[in-house]
Amino acid sequence: MKQTLTSTHLELHVPDFEKTKEYYMKLGFKVVWERIPEGEKGYLVMQRDQNILCFWPGNEYVYEQPYFKKFSKDTVRGNGVEIVITINDIERFYS
């Protein structure tokens, strides 16, 4: 992965890496590293300029993660999240 000017990486749990890649690639992100989900393993890193997003597979193993296992499996996750992606010349990108 190339060096960036950010020190914050956002990690999200998603149910499907392929759909995640399809969506974020439309926004100009590229895959910089991927370990295909297999059991409790799997990780995806995507980057657009200095914006880095990281993804864990949102499978059953998420409930064994030290922080998330504190909550019941029916706890709604991800509410109130806003992701800001910086971009130069938004009008050109939108076109």
N, C-alpha and C. Protein backbone atom coordinates (compact mmCIF):
# COMPACT_ATOMS: atom_id res chain seq x y z
N MET A 1 0.85 -1.18 0.00
CA MET A 1 0.00 0.00 0.00
C MET A 1 0.89 1.23 0.00
N LYS A 2 0.56 2.20 -0.82
CA LYS A 2 1.37 3.40 -0.87
C LYS A 2 1.11 4.29 0.35
N GLN A 3 2.08 5.11 0.68
CA GLN A 3 1.98 6.01 1.82
C GLN A 3 0.95 7.10 1.53
N THR A 4 0.18 7.46 2.55
CA THR A 4 -0.83 8.50 2.40
C THR A 4 -0.66 9.56 3.48
N LEU A 5 -1.44 10.62 3.36
CA LEU A 5 -1.37 11.72 4.32
C LEU A 5 -2.40 11.59 5.42
N THR A 6 -3.03 10.47 5.55
CA THR A 6 -4.04 10.27 6.58
C THR A 6 -3.51 9.36 7.67
N SER A 7 -4.03 9.53 8.86
CA SER A 7 -3.65 8.62 9.94
C SER A 7 -4.87 7.89 10.47
N THR A 8 -6.00 8.05 9.79
CA THR A 8 -7.23 7.39 10.20
C THR A 8 -7.67 6.43 9.11
N HIS A 9 -7.91 5.20 9.50
CA HIS A 9 -8.46 4.21 8.58
C HIS A 9 -9.77 3.73 9.18
N LEU A 10 -10.81 3.75 8.40
CA LEU A 10 -12.13 3.35 8.84
C LEU A 10 -12.33 1.88 8.54
N GLU A 11 -12.80 1.12 9.53
CA GLU A 11 -13.09 -0.30 9.32
C GLU A 11 -14.59 -0.54 9.42
N LEU A 12 -15.12 -1.19 8.40
CA LEU A 12 -16.54 -1.49 8.36
C LEU A 12 -16.73 -2.99 8.18
N HIS A 13 -17.77 -3.53 8.80
CA HIS A 13 -18.12 -4.94 8.61
C HIS A 13 -19.20 -4.99 7.53
N VAL A 14 -18.92 -5.71 6.47
CA VAL A 14 -19.85 -5.79 5.34
C VAL A 14 -20.14 -7.25 5.01
N PRO A 15 -21.35 -7.54 4.54
CA PRO A 15 -21.70 -8.93 4.25
C PRO A 15 -21.15 -9.48 2.95
N ASP A 16 -20.71 -8.61 2.03
CA ASP A 16 -20.31 -9.09 0.71
C ASP A 16 -19.21 -8.20 0.14
N PHE A 17 -17.99 -8.74 0.04
CA PHE A 17 -16.87 -7.96 -0.50
C PHE A 17 -17.10 -7.58 -1.96
N GLU A 18 -17.71 -8.46 -2.75
CA GLU A 18 -17.90 -8.17 -4.17
C GLU A 18 -18.82 -6.97 -4.37
N LYS A 19 -19.92 -6.92 -3.63
CA LYS A 19 -20.83 -5.77 -3.73
C LYS A 19 -20.17 -4.51 -3.20
N THR A 20 -19.36 -4.66 -2.16
CA THR A 20 -18.64 -3.53 -1.59
C THR A 20 -17.67 -2.95 -2.61
N LYS A 21 -16.90 -3.83 -3.27
CA LYS A 21 -15.95 -3.37 -4.28
C LYS A 21 -16.68 -2.70 -5.44
N GLU A 22 -17.75 -3.30 -5.89
CA GLU A 22 -18.51 -2.73 -7.00
C GLU A 22 -18.99 -1.31 -6.67
N TYR A 23 -19.52 -1.12 -5.48
CA TYR A 23 -20.02 0.19 -5.07
C TYR A 23 -18.90 1.23 -4.97
N TYR A 24 -17.85 0.90 -4.22
CA TYR A 24 -16.79 1.89 -3.98
C TYR A 24 -15.93 2.14 -5.22
N MET A 25 -15.84 1.17 -6.12
CA MET A 25 -15.10 1.40 -7.36
C MET A 25 -15.82 2.43 -8.23
N LYS A 26 -17.15 2.50 -8.14
CA LYS A 26 -17.90 3.52 -8.86
C LYS A 26 -17.57 4.91 -8.32
N LEU A 27 -17.11 4.98 -7.08
CA LEU A 27 -16.71 6.25 -6.47
C LEU A 27 -15.22 6.54 -6.67
N GLY A 28 -14.55 5.70 -7.45
CA GLY A 28 -13.14 5.94 -7.76
C GLY A 28 -12.15 5.23 -6.86
N PHE A 29 -12.63 4.37 -5.96
CA PHE A 29 -11.72 3.61 -5.09
C PHE A 29 -11.12 2.44 -5.86
N LYS A 30 -9.94 2.04 -5.44
CA LYS A 30 -9.26 0.87 -6.01
C LYS A 30 -8.90 -0.07 -4.86
N VAL A 31 -8.92 -1.35 -5.15
CA VAL A 31 -8.51 -2.35 -4.17
C VAL A 31 -6.99 -2.29 -4.06
N VAL A 32 -6.48 -2.10 -2.84
CA VAL A 32 -5.04 -2.11 -2.65
C VAL A 32 -4.57 -3.37 -1.93
N TRP A 33 -5.50 -4.05 -1.27
CA TRP A 33 -5.14 -5.32 -0.63
C TRP A 33 -6.42 -6.06 -0.30
N GLU A 34 -6.39 -7.38 -0.51
CA GLU A 34 -7.58 -8.18 -0.19
C GLU A 34 -7.17 -9.58 0.23
N ARG A 35 -7.80 -10.04 1.28
CA ARG A 35 -7.74 -11.44 1.68
C ARG A 35 -9.18 -11.93 1.63
N ILE A 36 -9.46 -12.81 0.71
CA ILE A 36 -10.82 -13.29 0.48
C ILE A 36 -11.35 -13.94 1.76
N PRO A 37 -12.60 -13.59 2.16
CA PRO A 37 -13.17 -14.15 3.39
C PRO A 37 -13.19 -15.68 3.36
N GLU A 38 -12.68 -16.24 4.43
CA GLU A 38 -12.67 -17.69 4.60
C GLU A 38 -12.70 -17.93 6.10
N GLY A 39 -13.83 -18.41 6.59
CA GLY A 39 -13.96 -18.59 8.03
C GLY A 39 -13.89 -17.26 8.73
N GLU A 40 -13.04 -17.17 9.74
CA GLU A 40 -12.92 -15.92 10.50
C GLU A 40 -11.96 -14.93 9.88
N LYS A 41 -11.32 -15.32 8.79
CA LYS A 41 -10.34 -14.44 8.15
C LYS A 41 -10.95 -13.76 6.94
N GLY A 42 -10.33 -12.67 6.55
CA GLY A 42 -10.77 -11.91 5.40
C GLY A 42 -10.62 -10.44 5.70
N TYR A 43 -10.16 -9.69 4.72
CA TYR A 43 -9.97 -8.26 4.91
C TYR A 43 -9.84 -7.61 3.54
N LEU A 44 -10.36 -6.42 3.42
CA LEU A 44 -10.34 -5.70 2.16
C LEU A 44 -9.93 -4.26 2.45
N VAL A 45 -8.96 -3.75 1.70
CA VAL A 45 -8.53 -2.36 1.84
C VAL A 45 -8.70 -1.68 0.49
N MET A 46 -9.42 -0.55 0.51
CA MET A 46 -9.65 0.22 -0.72
C MET A 46 -9.19 1.65 -0.49
N GLN A 47 -8.68 2.28 -1.55
CA GLN A 47 -8.13 3.62 -1.42
C GLN A 47 -8.52 4.47 -2.62
N ARG A 48 -8.81 5.72 -2.32
CA ARG A 48 -9.02 6.75 -3.34
C ARG A 48 -8.29 7.99 -2.84
N ASP A 49 -7.23 8.36 -3.51
CA ASP A 49 -6.38 9.46 -3.06
C ASP A 49 -5.93 9.16 -1.63
N GLN A 50 -6.18 10.08 -0.69
CA GLN A 50 -5.77 9.84 0.70
C GLN A 50 -6.87 9.20 1.55
N ASN A 51 -7.94 8.77 0.92
CA ASN A 51 -9.05 8.14 1.62
C ASN A 51 -8.86 6.62 1.62
N ILE A 52 -8.83 6.05 2.80
CA ILE A 52 -8.65 4.61 2.94
C ILE A 52 -9.83 4.04 3.70
N LEU A 53 -10.44 3.01 3.13
CA LEU A 53 -11.53 2.29 3.78
C LEU A 53 -11.12 0.83 3.91
N CYS A 54 -11.37 0.26 5.07
CA CYS A 54 -11.03 -1.13 5.34
C CYS A 54 -12.31 -1.88 5.68
N PHE A 55 -12.39 -3.13 5.26
CA PHE A 55 -13.61 -3.91 5.45
C PHE A 55 -13.30 -5.29 6.01
N TRP A 56 -14.06 -5.67 7.00
CA TRP A 56 -14.06 -7.02 7.54
C TRP A 56 -15.29 -7.73 6.97
N PRO A 57 -15.22 -9.05 6.79
CA PRO A 57 -16.43 -9.75 6.35
C PRO A 57 -17.44 -9.75 7.49
N GLY A 58 -18.67 -9.40 7.19
CA GLY A 58 -19.71 -9.35 8.22
C GLY A 58 -20.37 -10.70 8.42
N ASN A 59 -19.56 -11.72 8.66
CA ASN A 59 -20.10 -13.06 8.87
C ASN A 59 -20.29 -13.34 10.37
N GLU A 60 -20.60 -14.56 10.70
CA GLU A 60 -20.87 -14.94 12.09
C GLU A 60 -19.68 -14.71 13.01
N TYR A 61 -18.49 -14.68 12.48
CA TYR A 61 -17.30 -14.52 13.31
C TYR A 61 -17.21 -13.12 13.93
N VAL A 62 -17.96 -12.15 13.38
CA VAL A 62 -17.94 -10.80 13.94
C VAL A 62 -18.41 -10.83 15.40
N TYR A 63 -19.26 -11.79 15.74
CA TYR A 63 -19.79 -11.86 17.10
C TYR A 63 -18.76 -12.37 18.10
N GLU A 64 -17.63 -12.84 17.61
CA GLU A 64 -16.54 -13.28 18.50
C GLU A 64 -15.48 -12.21 18.66
N GLN A 65 -15.59 -11.11 17.92
CA GLN A 65 -14.64 -10.01 18.03
C GLN A 65 -14.77 -9.42 19.44
N PRO A 66 -13.66 -9.13 20.12
CA PRO A 66 -13.71 -8.70 21.53
C PRO A 66 -14.70 -7.58 21.84
N TYR A 67 -14.81 -6.59 20.99
CA TYR A 67 -15.74 -5.50 21.28
C TYR A 67 -17.17 -5.90 21.00
N PHE A 68 -17.42 -6.48 19.82
CA PHE A 68 -18.78 -6.77 19.41
C PHE A 68 -19.43 -7.90 20.19
N LYS A 69 -18.64 -8.78 20.78
CA LYS A 69 -19.26 -9.88 21.51
C LYS A 69 -19.91 -9.42 22.82
N LYS A 70 -19.72 -8.15 23.17
CA LYS A 70 -20.38 -7.58 24.35
C LYS A 70 -21.88 -7.37 24.10
N PHE A 71 -22.30 -7.37 22.84
CA PHE A 71 -23.68 -7.05 22.48
C PHE A 71 -24.40 -8.29 21.95
N SER A 72 -25.71 -8.31 22.10
CA SER A 72 -26.48 -9.44 21.57
C SER A 72 -26.46 -9.39 20.04
N LYS A 73 -26.69 -10.55 19.43
CA LYS A 73 -26.61 -10.65 17.97
C LYS A 73 -27.67 -9.82 17.25
N ASP A 74 -28.75 -9.46 17.93
CA ASP A 74 -29.79 -8.69 17.27
C ASP A 74 -29.63 -7.18 17.46
N THR A 75 -28.48 -6.76 18.01
CA THR A 75 -28.20 -5.34 18.17
C THR A 75 -28.00 -4.71 16.79
N VAL A 76 -28.72 -3.62 16.53
CA VAL A 76 -28.56 -2.92 15.25
C VAL A 76 -27.19 -2.26 15.23
N ARG A 77 -26.46 -2.47 14.17
CA ARG A 77 -25.11 -1.92 14.05
C ARG A 77 -25.06 -0.92 12.90
N GLY A 78 -24.17 0.06 13.02
CA GLY A 78 -23.95 0.99 11.93
C GLY A 78 -24.86 2.19 11.90
N ASN A 79 -25.75 2.33 12.86
CA ASN A 79 -26.62 3.51 12.88
C ASN A 79 -25.81 4.75 13.22
N GLY A 80 -26.13 5.86 12.56
CA GLY A 80 -25.51 7.13 12.87
C GLY A 80 -24.09 7.27 12.36
N VAL A 81 -23.74 6.54 11.32
CA VAL A 81 -22.39 6.61 10.76
C VAL A 81 -22.41 7.52 9.54
N GLU A 82 -21.49 8.45 9.49
CA GLU A 82 -21.33 9.30 8.31
C GLU A 82 -19.89 9.15 7.84
N ILE A 83 -19.72 8.84 6.57
CA ILE A 83 -18.39 8.69 5.98
C ILE A 83 -18.18 9.86 5.03
N VAL A 84 -17.14 10.64 5.27
CA VAL A 84 -16.83 11.78 4.42
C VAL A 84 -15.61 11.41 3.58
N ILE A 85 -15.76 11.51 2.28
CA ILE A 85 -14.68 11.19 1.34
C ILE A 85 -14.26 12.49 0.68
N THR A 86 -13.01 12.88 0.89
CA THR A 86 -12.55 14.13 0.29
C THR A 86 -12.26 13.91 -1.19
N ILE A 87 -12.55 14.94 -1.97
CA ILE A 87 -12.36 14.85 -3.41
C ILE A 87 -12.10 16.24 -3.97
N ASN A 88 -11.24 16.33 -4.94
CA ASN A 88 -11.00 17.59 -5.64
C ASN A 88 -11.91 17.63 -6.86
N ASP A 89 -12.43 18.80 -7.17
CA ASP A 89 -13.23 19.03 -8.37
C ASP A 89 -14.41 18.07 -8.46
N ILE A 90 -15.31 18.19 -7.51
CA ILE A 90 -16.47 17.30 -7.44
C ILE A 90 -17.34 17.37 -8.70
N GLU A 91 -17.45 18.56 -9.29
CA GLU A 91 -18.27 18.68 -10.49
C GLU A 91 -17.72 17.83 -11.63
N ARG A 92 -16.41 17.85 -11.82
CA ARG A 92 -15.79 17.02 -12.86
C ARG A 92 -15.99 15.54 -12.57
N PHE A 93 -15.80 15.16 -11.32
CA PHE A 93 -15.97 13.75 -10.94
C PHE A 93 -17.42 13.32 -11.16
N TYR A 94 -18.37 14.16 -10.78
CA TYR A 94 -19.78 13.83 -10.94
C TYR A 94 -20.14 13.63 -12.41
N SER A 95 -19.54 14.45 -13.29
CA SER A 95 -19.82 14.33 -14.73
C SER A 95 -19.34 12.99 -15.23
